[in-house]
Amino acid sequence: MKKAVIKFKDIVRGTIQFMFITLFAFANLYSQVHPSDTSWQKLFNGKDFEGWSTFLSTNKKEKPYLVNEDPKKVFQIIDGYLHLYKDHPTDSVVQEGFLYTNEEYSNYRLRLEYKWGDKKFAQRINKNKNSGLFFHMQEPWGFWPTCTECQIMEGSAGDIYAQNYVWFTTTIDSFIVDSQSKRSFPRFSENGNAFDYGGNQTSMRLMNLKHLDNSDGWNKVEIWVKENSAVFYINNKLSAKLWNIRYIPPDNPQHVKSLTKGRIGLQAEATEIIFRNIEIKFEN
């Protein structure tokens, strides 16, 4: 009887050990297939356009728009980097548009690096080099899409743009005149007064405090997005804070939609630019 009891205990002990080993193996496998939400993950894999789509105009932002058609190879992957307008002749009129994620995202940090190529094209021949990081993109697309944008412009990276009747709240300290466009824009200040902005034009710009980007070499952009708010950093320096991001349809202004999620996009705006290390980290 004693021997039988000992054998039974051994069986139970062995069964429990097997269960723990099995559970550990499954947990390890799951963690490899489903990385922790607290880890940085590649949003662009550097090999192909899996998970992304393209949207392009013909020329000069004109219809017909092309979705997932890129006959002139505006978007290319070269040595793991995303390269825009690599083979286009300088000063030519080029297609404009954006690359965007197939999935919608909310509550995340996103970071990437970019540097300028040598070429500008006909649409921007007398303007600064330009691109942008879109987030909370909404369908249907316009040109540009309904979204909020962290501006990527030579000398002005980190400005905020509200596209197509999007509004947001931020803080400003003054209005300043942009040296290139000669237009007056509100200027972000972390210690400024609350200010509602956006809506009435296709693109509404709010400038940041100072020049945070470099014209030569790599620049780092990071945005922290939480529900309907966001914070922008350029080269690890704060450039903007905004909250209460919302869409107010022009034909029904009482029907306000809080923007808490959406697709992410990278802008092709008649400037050669290279992106790398496009990564996302999900936040609770």
C-alpha atoms as a PDB file:
ATOM      1  CA  MET A   1       0.000   0.000   0.000  1.00  0.00           C
ATOM      2  CA  LYS A   2       2.822   2.376   0.843  1.00  0.00           C
ATOM      3  CA  LYS A   3       4.546   1.721  -2.484  1.00  0.00           C
ATOM      4  CA  ALA A   4       1.299   2.464  -4.348  1.00  0.00           C
ATOM      5  CA  VAL A   5       0.933   5.801  -2.543  1.00  0.00           C
ATOM      6  CA  ILE A   6       4.502   6.786  -3.378  1.00  0.00           C
ATOM      7  CA  LYS A   7       3.964   5.901  -7.042  1.00  0.00           C
ATOM      8  CA  PHE A   8       0.770   7.968  -7.128  1.00  0.00           C
ATOM      9  CA  LYS A   9       2.584  10.998  -5.646  1.00  0.00           C
ATOM     10  CA  ASP A  10       5.322  10.614  -8.228  1.00  0.00           C
ATOM     11  CA  ILE A  11       2.738  10.555 -10.992  1.00  0.00           C
ATOM     12  CA  VAL A  12       1.048  13.702  -9.654  1.00  0.00           C
ATOM     13  CA  ARG A  13       4.405  15.464  -9.271  1.00  0.00           C
ATOM     14  CA  GLY A  14       5.431  14.490 -12.796  1.00  0.00           C
ATOM     15  CA  THR A  15       2.110  15.612 -14.221  1.00  0.00           C
ATOM     16  CA  ILE A  16       2.395  19.027 -12.570  1.00  0.00           C
ATOM     17  CA  GLN A  17       5.959  19.447 -13.840  1.00  0.00           C
ATOM     18  CA  PHE A  18       4.853  18.520 -17.356  1.00  0.00           C
ATOM     19  CA  MET A  19       2.019  21.046 -17.191  1.00  0.00           C
ATOM     20  CA  PHE A  20       4.376  23.836 -16.099  1.00  0.00           C
ATOM     21  CA  ILE A  21       6.878  22.968 -18.824  1.00  0.00           C
ATOM     22  CA  THR A  22       4.095  22.893 -21.435  1.00  0.00           C
ATOM     23  CA  LEU A  23       2.620  26.179 -20.273  1.00  0.00           C
ATOM     24  CA  PHE A  24       6.065  27.806 -20.281  1.00  0.00           C
ATOM     25  CA  ALA A  25       6.709  26.564 -23.815  1.00  0.00           C
ATOM     26  CA  PHE A  26       3.373  27.915 -25.045  1.00  0.00           C
ATOM     27  CA  ALA A  27       3.971  31.235 -23.275  1.00  0.00           C
ATOM     28  CA  ASN A  28       7.397  31.517 -24.855  1.00  0.00           C
ATOM     29  CA  LEU A  29       5.981  30.729 -28.301  1.00  0.00           C
ATOM     30  CA  TYR A  30       3.153  33.234 -27.816  1.00  0.00           C
ATOM     31  CA  SER A  31       5.582  35.970 -26.800  1.00  0.00           C
ATOM     32  CA  GLN A  32       7.565  35.409 -29.983  1.00  0.00           C
ATOM     33  CA  VAL A  33       4.481  35.565 -32.199  1.00  0.00           C
ATOM     34  CA  HIS A  34       2.806  38.374 -30.212  1.00  0.00           C
ATOM     35  CA  PRO A  35       5.469  40.765 -28.864  1.00  0.00           C
ATOM     36  CA  SER A  36       4.735  42.553 -25.611  1.00  0.00           C
ATOM     37  CA  ASP A  37       2.640  45.666 -26.021  1.00  0.00           C
ATOM     38  CA  THR A  38       5.319  47.536 -24.095  1.00  0.00           C
ATOM     39  CA  SER A  39       8.065  46.821 -26.662  1.00  0.00           C
ATOM     40  CA  TRP A  40       8.980  48.779 -29.777  1.00  0.00           C
ATOM     41  CA  GLN A  41       7.811  47.023 -32.941  1.00  0.00           C
ATOM     42  CA  LYS A  42       8.613  47.682 -36.576  1.00  0.00           C
ATOM     43  CA  LEU A  43       5.737  49.402 -38.329  1.00  0.00           C
ATOM     44  CA  PHE A  44       7.609  49.288 -41.656  1.00  0.00           C
ATOM     45  CA  ASN A  45       9.615  46.104 -42.183  1.00  0.00           C
ATOM     46  CA  GLY A  46      12.175  47.511 -44.649  1.00  0.00           C
ATOM     47  CA  LYS A  47      11.575  44.664 -47.102  1.00  0.00           C
ATOM     48  CA  ASP A  48       8.211  45.283 -48.733  1.00  0.00           C
ATOM     49  CA  PHE A  49       5.006  47.283 -48.296  1.00  0.00           C
ATOM     50  CA  GLU A  50       3.200  44.676 -46.217  1.00  0.00           C
ATOM     51  CA  GLY A  51       0.616  46.439 -44.048  1.00  0.00           C
ATOM     52  CA  TRP A  52       0.746  49.652 -46.097  1.00  0.00           C
ATOM     53  CA  SER A  53      -1.083  51.145 -49.082  1.00  0.00           C
ATOM     54  CA  THR A  54      -0.304  54.023 -51.452  1.00  0.00           C
ATOM     55  CA  PHE A  55      -2.433  56.982 -52.495  1.00  0.00           C
ATOM     56  CA  LEU A  56      -1.273  59.252 -55.337  1.00  0.00           C
ATOM     57  CA  SER A  57      -2.621  61.999 -57.550  1.00  0.00           C
ATOM     58  CA  THR A  58      -1.833  62.191 -61.234  1.00  0.00           C
ATOM     59  CA  ASN A  59      -0.050  65.570 -61.207  1.00  0.00           C
ATOM     60  CA  LYS A  60      -0.530  68.723 -59.132  1.00  0.00           C
ATOM     61  CA  LYS A  61      -2.935  66.973 -56.709  1.00  0.00           C
ATOM     62  CA  GLU A  62      -5.373  66.315 -59.532  1.00  0.00           C
ATOM     63  CA  LYS A  63      -7.783  63.410 -60.087  1.00  0.00           C
ATOM     64  CA  PRO A  64      -7.993  60.583 -60.905  1.00  0.00           C
ATOM     65  CA  TYR A  65      -6.425  59.436 -57.654  1.00  0.00           C
ATOM     66  CA  LEU A  66      -4.479  56.196 -57.724  1.00  0.00           C
ATOM     67  CA  VAL A  67      -4.805  53.712 -54.842  1.00  0.00           C
ATOM     68  CA  ASN A  68      -2.096  51.057 -54.677  1.00  0.00           C
ATOM     69  CA  GLU A  69      -0.899  52.092 -58.114  1.00  0.00           C
ATOM     70  CA  ASP A  70       2.593  53.564 -58.315  1.00  0.00           C
ATOM     71  CA  PRO A  71       3.735  53.264 -61.949  1.00  0.00           C
ATOM     72  CA  LYS A  72       6.461  55.907 -61.596  1.00  0.00           C
ATOM     73  CA  LYS A  73       7.809  54.406 -58.355  1.00  0.00           C
ATOM     74  CA  VAL A  74       7.341  57.363 -56.061  1.00  0.00           C
ATOM     75  CA  PHE A  75       7.811  54.949 -53.145  1.00  0.00           C
ATOM     76  CA  GLN A  76      10.805  52.599 -53.201  1.00  0.00           C
ATOM     77  CA  ILE A  77      12.613  50.443 -50.662  1.00  0.00           C
ATOM     78  CA  ILE A  78      16.386  50.772 -50.970  1.00  0.00           C
ATOM     79  CA  ASP A  79      18.698  48.903 -48.552  1.00  0.00           C
ATOM     80  CA  GLY A  80      15.899  48.690 -45.989  1.00  0.00           C
ATOM     81  CA  TYR A  81      15.062  52.407 -46.167  1.00  0.00           C
ATOM     82  CA  LEU A  82      11.914  54.001 -47.582  1.00  0.00           C
ATOM     83  CA  HIS A  83      13.019  56.347 -50.370  1.00  0.00           C
ATOM     84  CA  LEU A  84      10.618  58.819 -52.014  1.00  0.00           C
ATOM     85  CA  TYR A  85      11.183  60.179 -55.552  1.00  0.00           C
ATOM     86  CA  LYS A  86      14.576  58.496 -55.890  1.00  0.00           C
ATOM     87  CA  ASP A  87      14.566  58.256 -59.707  1.00  0.00           C
ATOM     88  CA  HIS A  88      12.513  61.330 -60.612  1.00  0.00           C
ATOM     89  CA  PRO A  89      14.234  64.068 -62.652  1.00  0.00           C
ATOM     90  CA  THR A  90      14.909  67.273 -60.737  1.00  0.00           C
ATOM     91  CA  ASP A  91      12.449  70.130 -61.439  1.00  0.00           C
ATOM     92  CA  SER A  92       9.893  67.802 -63.057  1.00  0.00           C
ATOM     93  CA  VAL A  93       6.215  67.893 -62.088  1.00  0.00           C
ATOM     94  CA  VAL A  94       5.654  64.840 -59.892  1.00  0.00           C
ATOM     95  CA  GLN A  95       2.778  62.956 -58.352  1.00  0.00           C
ATOM     96  CA  GLU A  96       1.982  63.775 -54.742  1.00  0.00           C
ATOM     97  CA  GLY A  97       0.297  61.608 -52.141  1.00  0.00           C
ATOM     98  CA  PHE A  98       1.014  59.433 -49.147  1.00  0.00           C
ATOM     99  CA  LEU A  99       1.813  55.960 -47.908  1.00  0.00           C
ATOM    100  CA  TYR A 100      -0.608  54.834 -45.187  1.00  0.00           C
ATOM    101  CA  THR A 101      -1.196  51.897 -42.867  1.00  0.00           C
ATOM    102  CA  ASN A 102      -3.981  49.446 -43.561  1.00  0.00           C
ATOM    103  CA  GLU A 103      -4.783  49.286 -39.835  1.00  0.00           C
ATOM    104  CA  GLU A 104      -6.023  51.996 -37.489  1.00  0.00           C
ATOM    105  CA  TYR A 105      -4.078  52.771 -34.323  1.00  0.00           C
ATOM    106  CA  SER A 106      -4.706  54.435 -30.968  1.00  0.00           C
ATOM    107  CA  ASN A 107      -2.701  54.929 -27.768  1.00  0.00           C
ATOM    108  CA  TYR A 108       0.850  54.568 -28.962  1.00  0.00           C
ATOM    109  CA  ARG A 109       4.232  56.162 -29.381  1.00  0.00           C
ATOM    110  CA  LEU A 110       5.619  56.289 -32.899  1.00  0.00           C
ATOM    111  CA  ARG A 111       9.172  57.157 -33.868  1.00  0.00           C
ATOM    112  CA  LEU A 112      11.075  57.413 -37.125  1.00  0.00           C
ATOM    113  CA  GLU A 113      14.148  59.002 -38.633  1.00  0.00           C
ATOM    114  CA  TYR A 114      14.380  60.939 -41.878  1.00  0.00           C
ATOM    115  CA  LYS A 115      16.890  62.824 -43.979  1.00  0.00           C
ATOM    116  CA  TRP A 116      16.479  64.926 -47.071  1.00  0.00           C
ATOM    117  CA  GLY A 117      17.580  63.923 -50.532  1.00  0.00           C
ATOM    118  CA  ASP A 118      19.077  66.453 -52.924  1.00  0.00           C
ATOM    119  CA  LYS A 119      16.053  66.967 -55.148  1.00  0.00           C
ATOM    120  CA  LYS A 120      13.015  69.214 -55.072  1.00  0.00           C
ATOM    121  CA  PHE A 121      10.463  69.172 -57.843  1.00  0.00           C
ATOM    122  CA  ALA A 122       8.462  71.714 -59.815  1.00  0.00           C
ATOM    123  CA  GLN A 123       5.715  72.178 -57.227  1.00  0.00           C
ATOM    124  CA  ARG A 124       8.242  73.142 -54.541  1.00  0.00           C
ATOM    125  CA  ILE A 125      11.030  74.672 -56.570  1.00  0.00           C
ATOM    126  CA  ASN A 126      10.899  77.950 -54.589  1.00  0.00           C
ATOM    127  CA  LYS A 127       9.787  76.412 -51.296  1.00  0.00           C
ATOM    128  CA  ASN A 128      11.429  74.494 -48.479  1.00  0.00           C
ATOM    129  CA  LYS A 129      11.730  70.716 -48.652  1.00  0.00           C
ATOM    130  CA  ASN A 130       8.594  69.147 -47.251  1.00  0.00           C
ATOM    131  CA  SER A 131       6.905  65.969 -46.057  1.00  0.00           C
ATOM    132  CA  GLY A 132       4.773  65.025 -43.058  1.00  0.00           C
ATOM    133  CA  LEU A 133       3.656  62.384 -40.586  1.00  0.00           C
ATOM    134  CA  PHE A 134      -0.135  61.922 -40.571  1.00  0.00           C
ATOM    135  CA  PHE A 135      -2.056  60.305 -37.733  1.00  0.00           C
ATOM    136  CA  HIS A 136      -5.726  59.708 -36.885  1.00  0.00           C
ATOM    137  CA  MET A 137      -6.391  59.582 -40.648  1.00  0.00           C
ATOM    138  CA  GLN A 138     -10.081  59.241 -41.486  1.00  0.00           C
ATOM    139  CA  GLU A 139     -11.896  57.972 -44.562  1.00  0.00           C
ATOM    140  CA  PRO A 140     -13.024  58.943 -47.104  1.00  0.00           C
ATOM    141  CA  TRP A 141      -9.762  60.499 -48.273  1.00  0.00           C
ATOM    142  CA  GLY A 142      -9.584  63.979 -49.606  1.00  0.00           C
ATOM    143  CA  PHE A 143      -6.378  65.435 -50.855  1.00  0.00           C
ATOM    144  CA  TRP A 144      -4.864  65.724 -48.308  1.00  0.00           C
ATOM    145  CA  PRO A 145      -6.724  63.276 -46.020  1.00  0.00           C
ATOM    146  CA  THR A 146      -8.756  64.285 -43.002  1.00  0.00           C
ATOM    147  CA  CYS A 147      -6.181  63.945 -40.220  1.00  0.00           C
ATOM    148  CA  THR A 148      -3.751  65.679 -37.904  1.00  0.00           C
ATOM    149  CA  GLU A 149      -0.166  66.116 -39.092  1.00  0.00           C
ATOM    150  CA  CYS A 150       3.213  66.441 -37.458  1.00  0.00           C
ATOM    151  CA  GLN A 151       4.928  68.595 -40.028  1.00  0.00           C
ATOM    152  CA  ILE A 152       8.247  67.492 -41.514  1.00  0.00           C
ATOM    153  CA  MET A 153       9.518  70.577 -43.299  1.00  0.00           C
ATOM    154  CA  GLU A 154      13.044  71.878 -43.666  1.00  0.00           C
ATOM    155  CA  GLY A 155      13.409  74.452 -40.885  1.00  0.00           C
ATOM    156  CA  SER A 156       9.915  73.850 -39.461  1.00  0.00           C
ATOM    157  CA  ALA A 157       9.719  70.220 -38.359  1.00  0.00           C
ATOM    158  CA  GLY A 158       7.250  69.712 -35.532  1.00  0.00           C
ATOM    159  CA  ASP A 159       4.604  72.224 -36.584  1.00  0.00           C
ATOM    160  CA  ILE A 160       0.985  71.076 -36.291  1.00  0.00           C
ATOM    161  CA  TYR A 161      -1.324  70.859 -39.278  1.00  0.00           C
ATOM    162  CA  ALA A 162      -5.080  70.275 -39.127  1.00  0.00           C
ATOM    163  CA  GLN A 163      -6.313  68.832 -42.403  1.00  0.00           C
ATOM    164  CA  ASN A 164      -9.852  68.982 -43.804  1.00  0.00           C
ATOM    165  CA  TYR A 165     -11.996  70.357 -40.961  1.00  0.00           C
ATOM    166  CA  VAL A 166     -10.053  68.818 -38.125  1.00  0.00           C
ATOM    167  CA  TRP A 167      -9.785  70.941 -34.965  1.00  0.00           C
ATOM    168  CA  PHE A 168      -7.643  70.734 -31.851  1.00  0.00           C
ATOM    169  CA  THR A 169      -6.822  72.681 -28.690  1.00  0.00           C
ATOM    170  CA  THR A 170      -3.303  73.749 -27.747  1.00  0.00           C
ATOM    171  CA  THR A 171      -1.523  76.684 -26.075  1.00  0.00           C
ATOM    172  CA  ILE A 172       0.030  79.641 -27.891  1.00  0.00           C
ATOM    173  CA  ASP A 173       1.929  82.777 -26.915  1.00  0.00           C
ATOM    174  CA  SER A 174       1.658  84.886 -30.072  1.00  0.00           C
ATOM    175  CA  PHE A 175       1.067  85.085 -33.805  1.00  0.00           C
ATOM    176  CA  ILE A 176       4.140  85.198 -36.030  1.00  0.00           C
ATOM    177  CA  VAL A 177       4.767  85.784 -39.728  1.00  0.00           C
ATOM    178  CA  ASP A 178       6.318  82.917 -41.645  1.00  0.00           C
ATOM    179  CA  SER A 179       9.335  84.229 -43.551  1.00  0.00           C
ATOM    180  CA  GLN A 180       8.600  82.125 -46.621  1.00  0.00           C
ATOM    181  CA  SER A 181       4.829  82.398 -47.094  1.00  0.00           C
ATOM    182  CA  LYS A 182       4.534  85.868 -45.429  1.00  0.00           C
ATOM    183  CA  ARG A 183       1.408  84.595 -43.688  1.00  0.00           C
ATOM    184  CA  SER A 184       0.640  84.960 -39.977  1.00  0.00           C
ATOM    185  CA  PHE A 185       0.279  81.806 -37.880  1.00  0.00           C
ATOM    186  CA  PRO A 186      -0.299  81.115 -34.185  1.00  0.00           C
ATOM    187  CA  ARG A 187       2.811  79.883 -32.359  1.00  0.00           C
ATOM    188  CA  PHE A 188       2.826  77.044 -29.844  1.00  0.00           C
ATOM    189  CA  SER A 189       4.118  77.717 -26.355  1.00  0.00           C
ATOM    190  CA  GLU A 190       3.889  75.204 -23.526  1.00  0.00           C
ATOM    191  CA  ASN A 191       3.215  78.068 -21.108  1.00  0.00           C
ATOM    192  CA  GLY A 192       0.903  79.990 -23.414  1.00  0.00           C
ATOM    193  CA  ASN A 193      -2.844  80.528 -23.419  1.00  0.00           C
ATOM    194  CA  ALA A 194      -5.354  77.860 -24.437  1.00  0.00           C
ATOM    195  CA  PHE A 195      -6.269  78.166 -28.104  1.00  0.00           C
ATOM    196  CA  ASP A 196      -8.738  76.339 -30.349  1.00  0.00           C
ATOM    197  CA  TYR A 197      -7.605  75.967 -33.943  1.00  0.00           C
ATOM    198  CA  GLY A 198      -8.409  74.317 -37.255  1.00  0.00           C
ATOM    199  CA  GLY A 199     -11.232  73.671 -39.544  1.00  0.00           C
ATOM    200  CA  ASN A 200     -11.988  76.367 -42.037  1.00  0.00           C
ATOM    201  CA  GLN A 201      -9.400  75.588 -44.687  1.00  0.00           C
ATOM    202  CA  THR A 202      -7.945  72.425 -46.185  1.00  0.00           C
ATOM    203  CA  SER A 203      -4.696  72.865 -44.239  1.00  0.00           C
ATOM    204  CA  MET A 204      -4.444  74.914 -41.051  1.00  0.00           C
ATOM    205  CA  ARG A 205      -0.923  75.416 -39.699  1.00  0.00           C
ATOM    206  CA  LEU A 206       0.255  76.137 -36.165  1.00  0.00           C
ATOM    207  CA  MET A 207       3.984  76.801 -35.807  1.00  0.00           C
ATOM    208  CA  ASN A 208       6.337  75.687 -33.045  1.00  0.00           C
ATOM    209  CA  LEU A 209       8.729  77.754 -30.963  1.00  0.00           C
ATOM    210  CA  LYS A 210      12.013  77.258 -32.733  1.00  0.00           C
ATOM    211  CA  HIS A 211      14.073  75.520 -35.369  1.00  0.00           C
ATOM    212  CA  LEU A 212      14.604  71.962 -34.063  1.00  0.00           C
ATOM    213  CA  ASP A 213      15.619  70.059 -37.199  1.00  0.00           C
ATOM    214  CA  ASN A 214      18.789  69.717 -39.253  1.00  0.00           C
ATOM    215  CA  SER A 215      18.956  70.224 -43.005  1.00  0.00           C
ATOM    216  CA  ASP A 216      21.803  67.717 -43.286  1.00  0.00           C
ATOM    217  CA  GLY A 217      21.909  64.252 -41.776  1.00  0.00           C
ATOM    218  CA  TRP A 218      19.284  62.273 -39.934  1.00  0.00           C
ATOM    219  CA  ASN A 219      16.491  63.763 -37.839  1.00  0.00           C
ATOM    220  CA  LYS A 220      14.337  61.944 -35.298  1.00  0.00           C
ATOM    221  CA  VAL A 221      10.571  62.433 -35.007  1.00  0.00           C
ATOM    222  CA  GLU A 222       8.542  60.950 -32.172  1.00  0.00           C
ATOM    223  CA  ILE A 223       4.857  61.422 -31.438  1.00  0.00           C
ATOM    224  CA  TRP A 224       2.964  60.247 -28.356  1.00  0.00           C
ATOM    225  CA  VAL A 225      -0.710  59.683 -29.122  1.00  0.00           C
ATOM    226  CA  LYS A 226      -3.251  59.095 -26.340  1.00  0.00           C
ATOM    227  CA  GLU A 227      -6.908  58.950 -27.388  1.00  0.00           C
ATOM    228  CA  ASN A 228      -7.613  62.445 -28.834  1.00  0.00           C
ATOM    229  CA  SER A 229      -4.372  64.077 -27.671  1.00  0.00           C
ATOM    230  CA  ALA A 230      -0.764  64.072 -28.905  1.00  0.00           C
ATOM    231  CA  VAL A 231       2.715  65.350 -28.105  1.00  0.00           C
ATOM    232  CA  PHE A 232       5.443  65.926 -30.745  1.00  0.00           C
ATOM    233  CA  TYR A 233       9.204  65.677 -30.290  1.00  0.00           C
ATOM    234  CA  ILE A 234      11.850  66.594 -32.867  1.00  0.00           C
ATOM    235  CA  ASN A 235      15.357  65.363 -32.107  1.00  0.00           C
ATOM    236  CA  ASN A 236      14.211  64.642 -28.535  1.00  0.00           C
ATOM    237  CA  LYS A 237      12.953  68.208 -27.994  1.00  0.00           C
ATOM    238  CA  LEU A 238       9.316  69.092 -27.410  1.00  0.00           C
ATOM    239  CA  SER A 239       7.744  70.881 -30.367  1.00  0.00           C
ATOM    240  CA  ALA A 240       3.987  70.726 -29.704  1.00  0.00           C
ATOM    241  CA  LYS A 241       1.167  69.524 -27.479  1.00  0.00           C
ATOM    242  CA  LEU A 242      -2.434  69.232 -28.594  1.00  0.00           C
ATOM    243  CA  TRP A 243      -5.637  67.704 -27.283  1.00  0.00           C
ATOM    244  CA  ASN A 244      -9.367  67.533 -27.993  1.00  0.00           C
ATOM    245  CA  ILE A 245      -8.600  66.528 -31.585  1.00  0.00           C
ATOM    246  CA  ARG A 246     -11.914  66.371 -33.397  1.00  0.00           C
ATOM    247  CA  TYR A 247     -13.622  66.509 -36.775  1.00  0.00           C
ATOM    248  CA  ILE A 248     -16.394  69.044 -37.388  1.00  0.00           C
ATOM    249  CA  PRO A 249     -18.155  68.412 -40.706  1.00  0.00           C
ATOM    250  CA  PRO A 250     -18.730  71.724 -42.551  1.00  0.00           C
ATOM    251  CA  ASP A 251     -22.245  70.741 -43.590  1.00  0.00           C
ATOM    252  CA  ASN A 252     -23.248  69.591 -40.086  1.00  0.00           C
ATOM    253  CA  PRO A 253     -21.191  71.474 -37.473  1.00  0.00           C
ATOM    254  CA  GLN A 254     -23.283  70.140 -34.589  1.00  0.00           C
ATOM    255  CA  HIS A 255     -22.102  66.600 -35.308  1.00  0.00           C
ATOM    256  CA  VAL A 256     -18.642  66.726 -33.711  1.00  0.00           C
ATOM    257  CA  LYS A 257     -16.579  63.535 -33.843  1.00  0.00           C
ATOM    258  CA  SER A 258     -13.744  63.057 -31.347  1.00  0.00           C
ATOM    259  CA  LEU A 259     -10.751  61.527 -33.145  1.00  0.00           C
ATOM    260  CA  THR A 260      -9.283  58.822 -30.912  1.00  0.00           C
ATOM    261  CA  LYS A 261      -7.849  56.487 -33.538  1.00  0.00           C
ATOM    262  CA  GLY A 262      -6.992  56.309 -37.210  1.00  0.00           C
ATOM    263  CA  ARG A 263      -4.440  55.284 -39.779  1.00  0.00           C
ATOM    264  CA  ILE A 264      -0.868  56.540 -39.939  1.00  0.00           C
ATOM    265  CA  GLY A 265       0.620  58.050 -43.093  1.00  0.00           C
ATOM    266  CA  LEU A 266       3.822  59.452 -44.583  1.00  0.00           C
ATOM    267  CA  GLN A 267       3.524  62.323 -47.028  1.00  0.00           C
ATOM    268  CA  ALA A 268       5.013  62.514 -50.506  1.00  0.00           C
ATOM    269  CA  GLU A 269       5.076  66.233 -51.295  1.00  0.00           C
ATOM    270  CA  ALA A 270       7.384  66.866 -54.238  1.00  0.00           C
ATOM    271  CA  THR A 271      10.591  66.459 -52.203  1.00  0.00           C
ATOM    272  CA  GLU A 272      13.126  63.653 -52.145  1.00  0.00           C
ATOM    273  CA  ILE A 273      13.221  62.199 -48.630  1.00  0.00           C
ATOM    274  CA  ILE A 274      14.429  58.980 -46.976  1.00  0.00           C
ATOM    275  CA  PHE A 275      12.837  57.327 -43.922  1.00  0.00           C
ATOM    276  CA  ARG A 276      14.193  54.600 -41.656  1.00  0.00           C
ATOM    277  CA  ASN A 277      13.482  52.940 -38.287  1.00  0.00           C
ATOM    278  CA  ILE A 278       9.716  53.454 -38.396  1.00  0.00           C
ATOM    279  CA  GLU A 279       8.598  51.875 -35.118  1.00  0.00           C
ATOM    280  CA  ILE A 280       5.564  51.832 -32.853  1.00  0.00           C
ATOM    281  CA  LYS A 281       5.096  51.122 -29.157  1.00  0.00           C
ATOM    282  CA  PHE A 282       1.625  50.572 -27.733  1.00  0.00           C
ATOM    283  CA  GLU A 283       0.595  52.301 -24.519  1.00  0.00           C
ATOM    284  CA  ASN A 284      -2.175  51.411 -22.086  1.00  0.00           C
END
